[in-house]
Amino acid sequence: MNNIHHQEMVKEAVRPKFYGHKAIKSKTVPLYPKSAEREFQRIAGAYMRLLNEELKKKLPAMMAEYKRERHGDSRFDDSRDLDSKLRRLLQEVADALEQRIATFGLDENVKKIAELAKGNSLREWKKAVKDTLGIDLLDDYYKGEIYDEAIRRWISENILKIKSLPTETLGNMRQIILDSYMKGKSIRDIQKDIQEEYNVSKRYAQLLARDQIATLNAQITKLQQQDAGCRKYKWSTSHDSRVRDCHRSLNGKTFSWDDPPEMWYETKSGRVYTGRHCHPGEDYCCRCVAIPVFDLDTVNVPMKQTTGSER
């Protein structure tokens, strides 16, 4: 917020909560949006099941073509004819999946997930401000263009990400069949390899859900805190066995929003720094959160106006 008069009002309203200190950490730790992650994983899983259903319809035809090639019934003595037929059959899978997307409502589901994550972030932010500074926030302020633009961009990117999952999966399955042809593998072995490829893609879809919810939560958190004049934050992990060593070492430490810490991973030879600098939630599948540190000199939140009787 840029209104100088409003900022002075906010400072006077929250000054008692600082107890003479220049900066104070939030009394509450923002909760990671687990419900949004679960919903994204549910949608991603349902989408992958659609792919599996369409794939199973064409798998007998693909195996029949493979068998025909292996037994020399084709006019060609290499895999070119098989490749051409596989491309056609897999394209039919992709086309059928595209048609089912319309009834699946992928776009609307992704939008709902984004709103769920945004709602969680706003609730946690309001709680942090109320518990720490003792004031209530204007709800409508966080429906502004700066937040809407971040949400729209995230929705658009993730619709494309989910829709692109089958393209890579089907491409890998085609290559599995072609490689199997050159190695002389049995149909049973090919079917096992195709199922494993599907399982890998399904697991990736689940990881994508976690990664992208964390990314959105990190984007909204950064916007909220910087807009409120928070120059710094304290890193907080999810405090479970899945926390990576790098993030565990950052837990409880204070960082500037202008200077994120560098990520690293452990090897037998010691730490290897990646060159990537990340705030909480920005690293791959990171469920860490940023605890706001409020600065009296810069604090400027969209405070609700109160009447004399309400003070």
C-alpha atoms as a PDB file:
ATOM      1  CA  MET A   1       0.000   0.000   0.000  1.00  0.00           C
ATOM      2  CA  ASN A   2       1.292   3.472  -0.884  1.00  0.00           C
ATOM      3  CA  ASN A   3      -0.974   5.746   1.130  1.00  0.00           C
ATOM      4  CA  ILE A   4       1.326   7.530   3.593  1.00  0.00           C
ATOM      5  CA  HIS A   5      -1.511   8.551   5.895  1.00  0.00           C
ATOM      6  CA  HIS A   6      -2.769   4.984   6.087  1.00  0.00           C
ATOM      7  CA  GLN A   7       0.718   3.674   6.813  1.00  0.00           C
ATOM      8  CA  GLU A   8       1.083   6.082   9.738  1.00  0.00           C
ATOM      9  CA  MET A   9      -2.290   4.921  11.069  1.00  0.00           C
ATOM     10  CA  VAL A  10      -1.135   1.327  10.859  1.00  0.00           C
ATOM     11  CA  LYS A  11       2.126   2.090  12.658  1.00  0.00           C
ATOM     12  CA  GLU A  12       0.314   3.776  15.518  1.00  0.00           C
ATOM     13  CA  ALA A  13      -2.174   0.924  15.775  1.00  0.00           C
ATOM     14  CA  VAL A  14       0.465  -1.799  15.953  1.00  0.00           C
ATOM     15  CA  ARG A  15       3.252   0.011  17.843  1.00  0.00           C
ATOM     16  CA  PRO A  16       2.220  -1.393  21.259  1.00  0.00           C
ATOM     17  CA  LYS A  17       2.640  -4.926  19.921  1.00  0.00           C
ATOM     18  CA  PHE A  18       6.330  -4.313  19.206  1.00  0.00           C
ATOM     19  CA  TYR A  19       7.114  -3.609  22.881  1.00  0.00           C
ATOM     20  CA  GLY A  20       9.899  -1.241  21.942  1.00  0.00           C
ATOM     21  CA  HIS A  21      11.473  -3.607  19.399  1.00  0.00           C
ATOM     22  CA  LYS A  22      12.119  -2.627  15.789  1.00  0.00           C
ATOM     23  CA  ALA A  23      10.981  -5.965  14.372  1.00  0.00           C
ATOM     24  CA  ILE A  24       8.916  -8.910  15.614  1.00  0.00           C
ATOM     25  CA  LYS A  25       8.336 -12.411  14.282  1.00  0.00           C
ATOM     26  CA  SER A  26       4.807 -13.655  13.678  1.00  0.00           C
ATOM     27  CA  LYS A  27       3.320 -15.434  16.680  1.00  0.00           C
ATOM     28  CA  THR A  28       1.842 -18.085  14.401  1.00  0.00           C
ATOM     29  CA  VAL A  29       3.439 -20.297  11.757  1.00  0.00           C
ATOM     30  CA  PRO A  30       1.500 -20.275   8.457  1.00  0.00           C
ATOM     31  CA  LEU A  31       0.103 -23.691   7.611  1.00  0.00           C
ATOM     32  CA  TYR A  32       1.017 -25.313   4.304  1.00  0.00           C
ATOM     33  CA  PRO A  33      -2.114 -25.791   2.086  1.00  0.00           C
ATOM     34  CA  LYS A  34      -2.406 -29.578   2.429  1.00  0.00           C
ATOM     35  CA  SER A  35      -6.047 -29.629   1.347  1.00  0.00           C
ATOM     36  CA  ALA A  36      -5.184 -27.923  -1.949  1.00  0.00           C
ATOM     37  CA  GLU A  37      -2.338 -30.383  -2.521  1.00  0.00           C
ATOM     38  CA  ARG A  38      -4.625 -33.353  -1.877  1.00  0.00           C
ATOM     39  CA  GLU A  39      -7.202 -31.967  -4.290  1.00  0.00           C
ATOM     40  CA  PHE A  40      -4.565 -31.395  -6.972  1.00  0.00           C
ATOM     41  CA  GLN A  41      -3.300 -34.949  -6.496  1.00  0.00           C
ATOM     42  CA  ARG A  42      -6.854 -36.251  -6.769  1.00  0.00           C
ATOM     43  CA  ILE A  43      -7.421 -34.374 -10.023  1.00  0.00           C
ATOM     44  CA  ALA A  44      -4.046 -35.418 -11.441  1.00  0.00           C
ATOM     45  CA  GLY A  45      -4.739 -39.034 -10.490  1.00  0.00           C
ATOM     46  CA  ALA A  46      -8.177 -38.940 -12.094  1.00  0.00           C
ATOM     47  CA  TYR A  47      -6.693 -37.463 -15.270  1.00  0.00           C
ATOM     48  CA  MET A  48      -4.062 -40.192 -15.435  1.00  0.00           C
ATOM     49  CA  ARG A  49      -6.750 -42.837 -14.977  1.00  0.00           C
ATOM     50  CA  LEU A  50      -8.509 -41.460 -18.049  1.00  0.00           C
ATOM     51  CA  LEU A  51      -5.259 -41.915 -19.935  1.00  0.00           C
ATOM     52  CA  ASN A  52      -4.959 -45.476 -18.659  1.00  0.00           C
ATOM     53  CA  GLU A  53      -8.517 -46.309 -19.728  1.00  0.00           C
ATOM     54  CA  GLU A  54      -7.961 -45.031 -23.256  1.00  0.00           C
ATOM     55  CA  LEU A  55      -4.581 -46.736 -23.478  1.00  0.00           C
ATOM     56  CA  LYS A  56      -6.046 -50.118 -22.508  1.00  0.00           C
ATOM     57  CA  LYS A  57      -8.541 -49.833 -25.360  1.00  0.00           C
ATOM     58  CA  LYS A  58      -5.717 -49.571 -27.905  1.00  0.00           C
ATOM     59  CA  LEU A  59      -3.167 -51.837 -26.259  1.00  0.00           C
ATOM     60  CA  PRO A  60      -4.512 -55.070 -27.876  1.00  0.00           C
ATOM     61  CA  ALA A  61      -4.241 -53.470 -31.306  1.00  0.00           C
ATOM     62  CA  MET A  62      -0.685 -52.296 -30.572  1.00  0.00           C
ATOM     63  CA  MET A  63       0.332 -55.758 -29.388  1.00  0.00           C
ATOM     64  CA  ALA A  64      -1.282 -57.308 -32.473  1.00  0.00           C
ATOM     65  CA  GLU A  65       0.810 -55.045 -34.728  1.00  0.00           C
ATOM     66  CA  TYR A  66       3.915 -55.924 -32.731  1.00  0.00           C
ATOM     67  CA  LYS A  67       3.187 -59.648 -33.038  1.00  0.00           C
ATOM     68  CA  ARG A  68       2.579 -59.325 -36.773  1.00  0.00           C
ATOM     69  CA  GLU A  69       5.921 -57.559 -37.231  1.00  0.00           C
ATOM     70  CA  ARG A  70       7.830 -60.084 -35.122  1.00  0.00           C
ATOM     71  CA  HIS A  71       6.446 -62.975 -37.125  1.00  0.00           C
ATOM     72  CA  GLY A  72       7.444 -61.408 -40.414  1.00  0.00           C
ATOM     73  CA  ASP A  73       3.930 -60.831 -41.700  1.00  0.00           C
ATOM     74  CA  SER A  74       4.733 -57.205 -42.521  1.00  0.00           C
ATOM     75  CA  ARG A  75       6.059 -56.007 -45.856  1.00  0.00           C
ATOM     76  CA  PHE A  76       9.018 -54.427 -44.068  1.00  0.00           C
ATOM     77  CA  ASP A  77      11.921 -56.139 -42.325  1.00  0.00           C
ATOM     78  CA  ASP A  78      12.559 -53.276 -39.872  1.00  0.00           C
ATOM     79  CA  SER A  79      10.558 -51.237 -37.366  1.00  0.00           C
ATOM     80  CA  ARG A  80       9.468 -48.406 -39.679  1.00  0.00           C
ATOM     81  CA  ASP A  81       6.060 -49.866 -40.448  1.00  0.00           C
ATOM     82  CA  LEU A  82       5.518 -50.692 -36.772  1.00  0.00           C
ATOM     83  CA  ASP A  83       6.515 -47.171 -35.783  1.00  0.00           C
ATOM     84  CA  SER A  84       4.011 -45.676 -38.228  1.00  0.00           C
ATOM     85  CA  LYS A  85       1.184 -47.846 -36.901  1.00  0.00           C
ATOM     86  CA  LEU A  86       2.087 -47.128 -33.281  1.00  0.00           C
ATOM     87  CA  ARG A  87       2.059 -43.398 -33.931  1.00  0.00           C
ATOM     88  CA  ARG A  88      -1.425 -43.679 -35.429  1.00  0.00           C
ATOM     89  CA  LEU A  89      -2.791 -45.766 -32.547  1.00  0.00           C
ATOM     90  CA  LEU A  90      -1.228 -43.568 -29.862  1.00  0.00           C
ATOM     91  CA  GLN A  91      -2.564 -40.468 -31.580  1.00  0.00           C
ATOM     92  CA  GLU A  92      -6.013 -42.039 -31.368  1.00  0.00           C
ATOM     93  CA  VAL A  93      -5.441 -42.437 -27.618  1.00  0.00           C
ATOM     94  CA  ALA A  94      -4.461 -38.777 -27.350  1.00  0.00           C
ATOM     95  CA  ASP A  95      -7.479 -37.650 -29.390  1.00  0.00           C
ATOM     96  CA  ALA A  96      -9.879 -39.726 -27.280  1.00  0.00           C
ATOM     97  CA  LEU A  97      -8.330 -38.306 -24.108  1.00  0.00           C
ATOM     98  CA  GLU A  98      -8.729 -34.763 -25.416  1.00  0.00           C
ATOM     99  CA  GLN A  99     -12.435 -35.388 -25.976  1.00  0.00           C
ATOM    100  CA  ARG A 100     -12.869 -36.718 -22.455  1.00  0.00           C
ATOM    101  CA  ILE A 101     -11.152 -33.655 -20.992  1.00  0.00           C
ATOM    102  CA  ALA A 102     -14.170 -31.572 -22.008  1.00  0.00           C
ATOM    103  CA  THR A 103     -16.484 -33.599 -19.780  1.00  0.00           C
ATOM    104  CA  PHE A 104     -13.805 -33.997 -17.100  1.00  0.00           C
ATOM    105  CA  GLY A 105     -13.681 -30.228 -16.623  1.00  0.00           C
ATOM    106  CA  LEU A 106      -9.910 -29.970 -16.206  1.00  0.00           C
ATOM    107  CA  ASP A 107      -9.769 -26.180 -16.543  1.00  0.00           C
ATOM    108  CA  GLU A 108     -12.445 -25.587 -13.905  1.00  0.00           C
ATOM    109  CA  ASN A 109     -10.890 -28.111 -11.539  1.00  0.00           C
ATOM    110  CA  VAL A 110      -7.496 -26.409 -11.724  1.00  0.00           C
ATOM    111  CA  LYS A 111      -9.160 -23.032 -11.071  1.00  0.00           C
ATOM    112  CA  LYS A 112     -10.866 -24.448  -7.965  1.00  0.00           C
ATOM    113  CA  ILE A 113      -7.550 -25.780  -6.719  1.00  0.00           C
ATOM    114  CA  ALA A 114      -5.956 -22.355  -7.157  1.00  0.00           C
ATOM    115  CA  GLU A 115      -8.767 -20.690  -5.222  1.00  0.00           C
ATOM    116  CA  LEU A 116      -8.447 -23.303  -2.483  1.00  0.00           C
ATOM    117  CA  ALA A 117      -4.727 -22.576  -2.132  1.00  0.00           C
ATOM    118  CA  LYS A 118      -5.315 -18.825  -2.218  1.00  0.00           C
ATOM    119  CA  GLY A 119      -8.043 -19.095   0.425  1.00  0.00           C
ATOM    120  CA  ASN A 120      -5.727 -21.064   2.710  1.00  0.00           C
ATOM    121  CA  SER A 121      -2.955 -18.511   2.263  1.00  0.00           C
ATOM    122  CA  LEU A 122      -5.286 -15.611   3.045  1.00  0.00           C
ATOM    123  CA  ARG A 123      -6.641 -17.287   6.195  1.00  0.00           C
ATOM    124  CA  GLU A 124      -3.123 -17.978   7.456  1.00  0.00           C
ATOM    125  CA  TRP A 125      -2.005 -14.443   6.647  1.00  0.00           C
ATOM    126  CA  LYS A 126      -4.988 -12.864   8.414  1.00  0.00           C
ATOM    127  CA  LYS A 127      -4.346 -15.044  11.455  1.00  0.00           C
ATOM    128  CA  ALA A 128      -0.653 -14.073  11.552  1.00  0.00           C
ATOM    129  CA  VAL A 129      -1.515 -10.370  11.355  1.00  0.00           C
ATOM    130  CA  LYS A 130      -4.309 -10.615  13.923  1.00  0.00           C
ATOM    131  CA  ASP A 131      -2.339 -12.692  16.434  1.00  0.00           C
ATOM    132  CA  THR A 132       0.865 -10.670  16.051  1.00  0.00           C
ATOM    133  CA  LEU A 133      -0.235  -7.105  15.298  1.00  0.00           C
ATOM    134  CA  GLY A 134      -3.725  -7.239  16.769  1.00  0.00           C
ATOM    135  CA  ILE A 135      -5.530  -5.831  13.726  1.00  0.00           C
ATOM    136  CA  ASP A 136      -7.979  -7.149  11.133  1.00  0.00           C
ATOM    137  CA  LEU A 137      -7.303  -7.067   7.397  1.00  0.00           C
ATOM    138  CA  LEU A 138      -9.479  -5.856   4.551  1.00  0.00           C
ATOM    139  CA  ASP A 139     -10.598  -8.979   2.663  1.00  0.00           C
ATOM    140  CA  ASP A 140     -11.222  -7.243  -0.661  1.00  0.00           C
ATOM    141  CA  TYR A 141      -7.662  -5.915  -0.839  1.00  0.00           C
ATOM    142  CA  TYR A 142      -6.327  -9.386  -1.647  1.00  0.00           C
ATOM    143  CA  LYS A 143      -8.624  -9.654  -4.637  1.00  0.00           C
ATOM    144  CA  GLY A 144      -6.589  -6.987  -6.364  1.00  0.00           C
ATOM    145  CA  GLU A 145      -4.914  -7.235  -9.762  1.00  0.00           C
ATOM    146  CA  ILE A 146      -1.476  -8.172  -8.423  1.00  0.00           C
ATOM    147  CA  TYR A 147      -2.865 -11.314  -6.776  1.00  0.00           C
ATOM    148  CA  ASP A 148      -5.310 -12.150  -9.558  1.00  0.00           C
ATOM    149  CA  GLU A 149      -2.528 -12.003 -12.138  1.00  0.00           C
ATOM    150  CA  ALA A 150      -0.394 -14.478 -10.156  1.00  0.00           C
ATOM    151  CA  ILE A 151      -3.373 -16.832  -9.862  1.00  0.00           C
ATOM    152  CA  ARG A 152      -4.269 -16.582 -13.566  1.00  0.00           C
ATOM    153  CA  ARG A 153      -0.690 -17.277 -14.600  1.00  0.00           C
ATOM    154  CA  TRP A 154      -0.466 -20.301 -12.292  1.00  0.00           C
ATOM    155  CA  ILE A 155      -3.783 -21.703 -13.572  1.00  0.00           C
ATOM    156  CA  SER A 156      -2.736 -21.334 -17.204  1.00  0.00           C
ATOM    157  CA  GLU A 157       0.674 -22.930 -16.625  1.00  0.00           C
ATOM    158  CA  ASN A 158      -0.728 -25.893 -14.721  1.00  0.00           C
ATOM    159  CA  ILE A 159      -3.488 -26.665 -17.180  1.00  0.00           C
ATOM    160  CA  LEU A 160      -0.738 -26.960 -19.795  1.00  0.00           C
ATOM    161  CA  LYS A 161       1.447 -29.046 -17.467  1.00  0.00           C
ATOM    162  CA  ILE A 162      -1.323 -31.580 -16.820  1.00  0.00           C
ATOM    163  CA  LYS A 163      -2.338 -31.739 -20.466  1.00  0.00           C
ATOM    164  CA  SER A 164       1.279 -32.377 -21.459  1.00  0.00           C
ATOM    165  CA  LEU A 165       1.580 -35.450 -19.207  1.00  0.00           C
ATOM    166  CA  PRO A 166       0.069 -37.887 -21.769  1.00  0.00           C
ATOM    167  CA  THR A 167       2.283 -36.595 -24.587  1.00  0.00           C
ATOM    168  CA  GLU A 168       5.493 -37.624 -22.867  1.00  0.00           C
ATOM    169  CA  THR A 169       3.979 -40.816 -21.447  1.00  0.00           C
ATOM    170  CA  LEU A 170       2.661 -42.009 -24.806  1.00  0.00           C
ATOM    171  CA  GLY A 171       5.927 -41.101 -26.486  1.00  0.00           C
ATOM    172  CA  ASN A 172       7.844 -43.176 -23.937  1.00  0.00           C
ATOM    173  CA  MET A 173       5.469 -46.110 -24.440  1.00  0.00           C
ATOM    174  CA  ARG A 174       5.976 -45.992 -28.187  1.00  0.00           C
ATOM    175  CA  GLN A 175       9.742 -46.084 -27.647  1.00  0.00           C
ATOM    176  CA  ILE A 176       9.370 -49.019 -25.246  1.00  0.00           C
ATOM    177  CA  ILE A 177       7.605 -51.040 -27.934  1.00  0.00           C
ATOM    178  CA  LEU A 178      10.133 -50.119 -30.625  1.00  0.00           C
ATOM    179  CA  ASP A 179      13.090 -50.958 -28.369  1.00  0.00           C
ATOM    180  CA  SER A 180      11.403 -54.224 -27.433  1.00  0.00           C
ATOM    181  CA  TYR A 181      11.039 -55.032 -31.140  1.00  0.00           C
ATOM    182  CA  MET A 182      14.783 -54.614 -31.678  1.00  0.00           C
ATOM    183  CA  LYS A 183      15.558 -56.739 -28.595  1.00  0.00           C
ATOM    184  CA  GLY A 184      13.008 -59.421 -29.407  1.00  0.00           C
ATOM    185  CA  LYS A 185      11.097 -59.109 -26.142  1.00  0.00           C
ATOM    186  CA  SER A 186       7.898 -61.015 -25.478  1.00  0.00           C
ATOM    187  CA  ILE A 187       4.482 -59.343 -25.422  1.00  0.00           C
ATOM    188  CA  ARG A 188       4.181 -60.122 -21.717  1.00  0.00           C
ATOM    189  CA  ASP A 189       7.437 -58.271 -21.005  1.00  0.00           C
ATOM    190  CA  ILE A 190       6.309 -55.312 -23.095  1.00  0.00           C
ATOM    191  CA  GLN A 191       3.021 -55.078 -21.226  1.00  0.00           C
ATOM    192  CA  LYS A 192       4.913 -55.095 -17.925  1.00  0.00           C
ATOM    193  CA  ASP A 193       7.212 -52.308 -19.188  1.00  0.00           C
ATOM    194  CA  ILE A 194       4.239 -50.252 -20.380  1.00  0.00           C
ATOM    195  CA  GLN A 195       2.504 -50.639 -17.013  1.00  0.00           C
ATOM    196  CA  GLU A 196       5.666 -49.540 -15.216  1.00  0.00           C
ATOM    197  CA  GLU A 197       5.918 -46.495 -17.474  1.00  0.00           C
ATOM    198  CA  TYR A 198       2.332 -45.622 -16.609  1.00  0.00           C
ATOM    199  CA  ASN A 199       3.095 -46.024 -12.888  1.00  0.00           C
ATOM    200  CA  VAL A 200       6.119 -43.745 -13.231  1.00  0.00           C
ATOM    201  CA  SER A 201       4.002 -41.117 -14.981  1.00  0.00           C
ATOM    202  CA  LYS A 202       1.312 -41.418 -12.320  1.00  0.00           C
ATOM    203  CA  ARG A 203       3.879 -40.875  -9.554  1.00  0.00           C
ATOM    204  CA  TYR A 204       5.235 -37.891 -11.436  1.00  0.00           C
ATOM    205  CA  ALA A 205       1.719 -36.425 -11.620  1.00  0.00           C
ATOM    206  CA  GLN A 206       1.451 -36.694  -7.845  1.00  0.00           C
ATOM    207  CA  LEU A 207       4.815 -34.981  -7.371  1.00  0.00           C
ATOM    208  CA  LEU A 208       3.767 -32.294  -9.835  1.00  0.00           C
ATOM    209  CA  ALA A 209       0.742 -31.564  -7.658  1.00  0.00           C
ATOM    210  CA  ARG A 210       2.884 -31.111  -4.557  1.00  0.00           C
ATOM    211  CA  ASP A 211       5.452 -29.010  -6.357  1.00  0.00           C
ATOM    212  CA  GLN A 212       2.956 -26.665  -7.982  1.00  0.00           C
ATOM    213  CA  ILE A 213       0.840 -26.085  -4.856  1.00  0.00           C
ATOM    214  CA  ALA A 214       4.034 -25.243  -2.976  1.00  0.00           C
ATOM    215  CA  THR A 215       5.039 -22.884  -5.778  1.00  0.00           C
ATOM    216  CA  LEU A 216       1.703 -21.061  -5.735  1.00  0.00           C
ATOM    217  CA  ASN A 217       1.712 -20.801  -1.951  1.00  0.00           C
ATOM    218  CA  ALA A 218       5.245 -19.386  -2.082  1.00  0.00           C
ATOM    219  CA  GLN A 219       4.266 -16.796  -4.705  1.00  0.00           C
ATOM    220  CA  ILE A 220       1.226 -15.576  -2.762  1.00  0.00           C
ATOM    221  CA  THR A 221       3.145 -15.548   0.533  1.00  0.00           C
ATOM    222  CA  LYS A 222       5.920 -13.436  -0.957  1.00  0.00           C
ATOM    223  CA  LEU A 223       3.413 -10.975  -2.431  1.00  0.00           C
ATOM    224  CA  GLN A 224       1.563 -10.637   0.880  1.00  0.00           C
ATOM    225  CA  GLN A 225       4.608 -10.182   3.044  1.00  0.00           C
ATOM    226  CA  GLN A 226       6.502  -7.806   0.784  1.00  0.00           C
ATOM    227  CA  ASP A 227       3.363  -5.753   0.190  1.00  0.00           C
ATOM    228  CA  ALA A 228       2.958  -5.488   3.976  1.00  0.00           C
ATOM    229  CA  GLY A 229       6.483  -4.145   4.369  1.00  0.00           C
ATOM    230  CA  CYS A 230       8.040  -7.380   5.632  1.00  0.00           C
ATOM    231  CA  ARG A 231      11.642  -7.307   4.532  1.00  0.00           C
ATOM    232  CA  LYS A 232      12.553 -10.589   6.187  1.00  0.00           C
ATOM    233  CA  TYR A 233      11.094 -13.949   7.127  1.00  0.00           C
ATOM    234  CA  LYS A 234      12.061 -16.960   9.220  1.00  0.00           C
ATOM    235  CA  TRP A 235      12.353 -20.305   7.437  1.00  0.00           C
ATOM    236  CA  SER A 236      10.113 -23.085   8.787  1.00  0.00           C
ATOM    237  CA  THR A 237      10.077 -26.686   7.569  1.00  0.00           C
ATOM    238  CA  SER A 238       7.205 -29.166   7.784  1.00  0.00           C
ATOM    239  CA  HIS A 239       9.130 -30.948  10.569  1.00  0.00           C
ATOM    240  CA  ASP A 240       8.760 -34.492   9.249  1.00  0.00           C
ATOM    241  CA  SER A 241      10.964 -37.222   7.806  1.00  0.00           C
ATOM    242  CA  ARG A 242      10.562 -35.963   4.233  1.00  0.00           C
ATOM    243  CA  VAL A 243      12.369 -32.672   4.906  1.00  0.00           C
ATOM    244  CA  ARG A 244      15.641 -32.655   2.967  1.00  0.00           C
ATOM    245  CA  ASP A 245      18.904 -31.944   4.792  1.00  0.00           C
ATOM    246  CA  CYS A 246      19.406 -28.580   3.130  1.00  0.00           C
ATOM    247  CA  HIS A 247      16.026 -27.259   4.248  1.00  0.00           C
ATOM    248  CA  ARG A 248      16.416 -28.734   7.735  1.00  0.00           C
ATOM    249  CA  SER A 249      19.624 -26.721   8.102  1.00  0.00           C
ATOM    250  CA  LEU A 250      17.717 -23.543   7.182  1.00  0.00           C
ATOM    251  CA  ASN A 251      14.905 -24.110   9.689  1.00  0.00           C
ATOM    252  CA  GLY A 252      14.589 -21.259  12.202  1.00  0.00           C
ATOM    253  CA  LYS A 253      17.023 -18.988  10.350  1.00  0.00           C
ATOM    254  CA  THR A 254      16.057 -15.515   9.172  1.00  0.00           C
ATOM    255  CA  PHE A 255      16.501 -14.430   5.549  1.00  0.00           C
ATOM    256  CA  SER A 256      15.808 -11.352   3.469  1.00  0.00           C
ATOM    257  CA  TRP A 257      13.209 -11.483   0.709  1.00  0.00           C
ATOM    258  CA  ASP A 258      15.887  -9.853  -1.463  1.00  0.00           C
ATOM    259  CA  ASP A 259      18.497 -12.518  -0.746  1.00  0.00           C
ATOM    260  CA  PRO A 260      17.241 -16.148  -0.756  1.00  0.00           C
ATOM    261  CA  PRO A 261      19.636 -18.852   0.474  1.00  0.00           C
ATOM    262  CA  GLU A 262      21.471 -21.170  -1.902  1.00  0.00           C
ATOM    263  CA  MET A 263      20.310 -24.771  -2.120  1.00  0.00           C
ATOM    264  CA  TRP A 264      22.650 -27.760  -1.704  1.00  0.00           C
ATOM    265  CA  TYR A 265      22.603 -31.543  -1.476  1.00  0.00           C
ATOM    266  CA  GLU A 266      24.832 -33.959   0.385  1.00  0.00           C
ATOM    267  CA  THR A 267      27.227 -36.415  -1.263  1.00  0.00           C
ATOM    268  CA  LYS A 268      29.919 -38.727   0.090  1.00  0.00           C
ATOM    269  CA  SER A 269      32.420 -35.993  -0.699  1.00  0.00           C
ATOM    270  CA  GLY A 270      30.443 -33.319   1.116  1.00  0.00           C
ATOM    271  CA  ARG A 271      27.960 -30.620   0.216  1.00  0.00           C
ATOM    272  CA  VAL A 272      27.401 -29.715  -3.403  1.00  0.00           C
ATOM    273  CA  TYR A 273      25.887 -26.279  -3.936  1.00  0.00           C
ATOM    274  CA  THR A 274      23.476 -26.067  -6.853  1.00  0.00           C
ATOM    275  CA  GLY A 275      23.671 -22.356  -7.619  1.00  0.00           C
ATOM    276  CA  ARG A 276      19.886 -22.135  -7.158  1.00  0.00           C
ATOM    277  CA  HIS A 277      18.664 -19.627  -4.587  1.00  0.00           C
ATOM    278  CA  CYS A 278      15.185 -20.320  -3.225  1.00  0.00           C
ATOM    279  CA  HIS A 279      12.705 -18.969  -0.708  1.00  0.00           C
ATOM    280  CA  PRO A 280      10.456 -21.451   1.157  1.00  0.00           C
ATOM    281  CA  GLY A 281       8.253 -23.347  -1.290  1.00  0.00           C
ATOM    282  CA  GLU A 282      10.318 -22.430  -4.346  1.00  0.00           C
ATOM    283  CA  ASP A 283      12.593 -25.477  -4.362  1.00  0.00           C
ATOM    284  CA  TYR A 284      11.277 -28.645  -6.008  1.00  0.00           C
ATOM    285  CA  CYS A 285       8.429 -30.174  -3.927  1.00  0.00           C
ATOM    286  CA  CYS A 286       9.320 -27.930  -0.982  1.00  0.00           C
ATOM    287  CA  ARG A 287       6.617 -27.749   1.707  1.00  0.00           C
ATOM    288  CA  CYS A 288       8.470 -25.203   3.842  1.00  0.00           C
ATOM    289  CA  VAL A 289       6.826 -21.881   4.717  1.00  0.00           C
ATOM    290  CA  ALA A 290       7.993 -18.350   5.467  1.00  0.00           C
ATOM    291  CA  ILE A 291       7.132 -16.970   8.912  1.00  0.00           C
ATOM    292  CA  PRO A 292       6.729 -13.197   8.471  1.00  0.00           C
ATOM    293  CA  VAL A 293       8.951 -10.782  10.354  1.00  0.00           C
ATOM    294  CA  PHE A 294       7.137  -7.465  10.773  1.00  0.00           C
ATOM    295  CA  ASP A 295       9.218  -4.275  10.748  1.00  0.00           C
ATOM    296  CA  LEU A 296       7.764  -1.249  12.511  1.00  0.00           C
ATOM    297  CA  ASP A 297       9.504   1.165  10.118  1.00  0.00           C
ATOM    298  CA  THR A 298       7.963  -0.380   7.003  1.00  0.00           C
ATOM    299  CA  VAL A 299       4.802  -2.186   8.176  1.00  0.00           C
ATOM    300  CA  ASN A 300       1.788  -1.240   6.061  1.00  0.00           C
ATOM    301  CA  VAL A 301      -1.064  -3.728   5.950  1.00  0.00           C
ATOM    302  CA  PRO A 302      -4.591  -3.085   4.592  1.00  0.00           C
ATOM    303  CA  MET A 303      -6.137  -2.510   8.017  1.00  0.00           C
ATOM    304  CA  LYS A 304      -9.877  -2.402   8.549  1.00  0.00           C
ATOM    305  CA  GLN A 305     -11.118   0.945   9.783  1.00  0.00           C
ATOM    306  CA  THR A 306     -12.778   0.741  13.189  1.00  0.00           C
ATOM    307  CA  THR A 307     -15.225   3.050  14.906  1.00  0.00           C
ATOM    308  CA  GLY A 308     -14.585   4.489  18.327  1.00  0.00           C
ATOM    309  CA  SER A 309     -16.844   1.913  19.960  1.00  0.00           C
ATOM    310  CA  GLU A 310     -14.902  -0.931  18.347  1.00  0.00           C
ATOM    311  CA  ARG A 311     -11.492   0.168  19.532  1.00  0.00           C
END
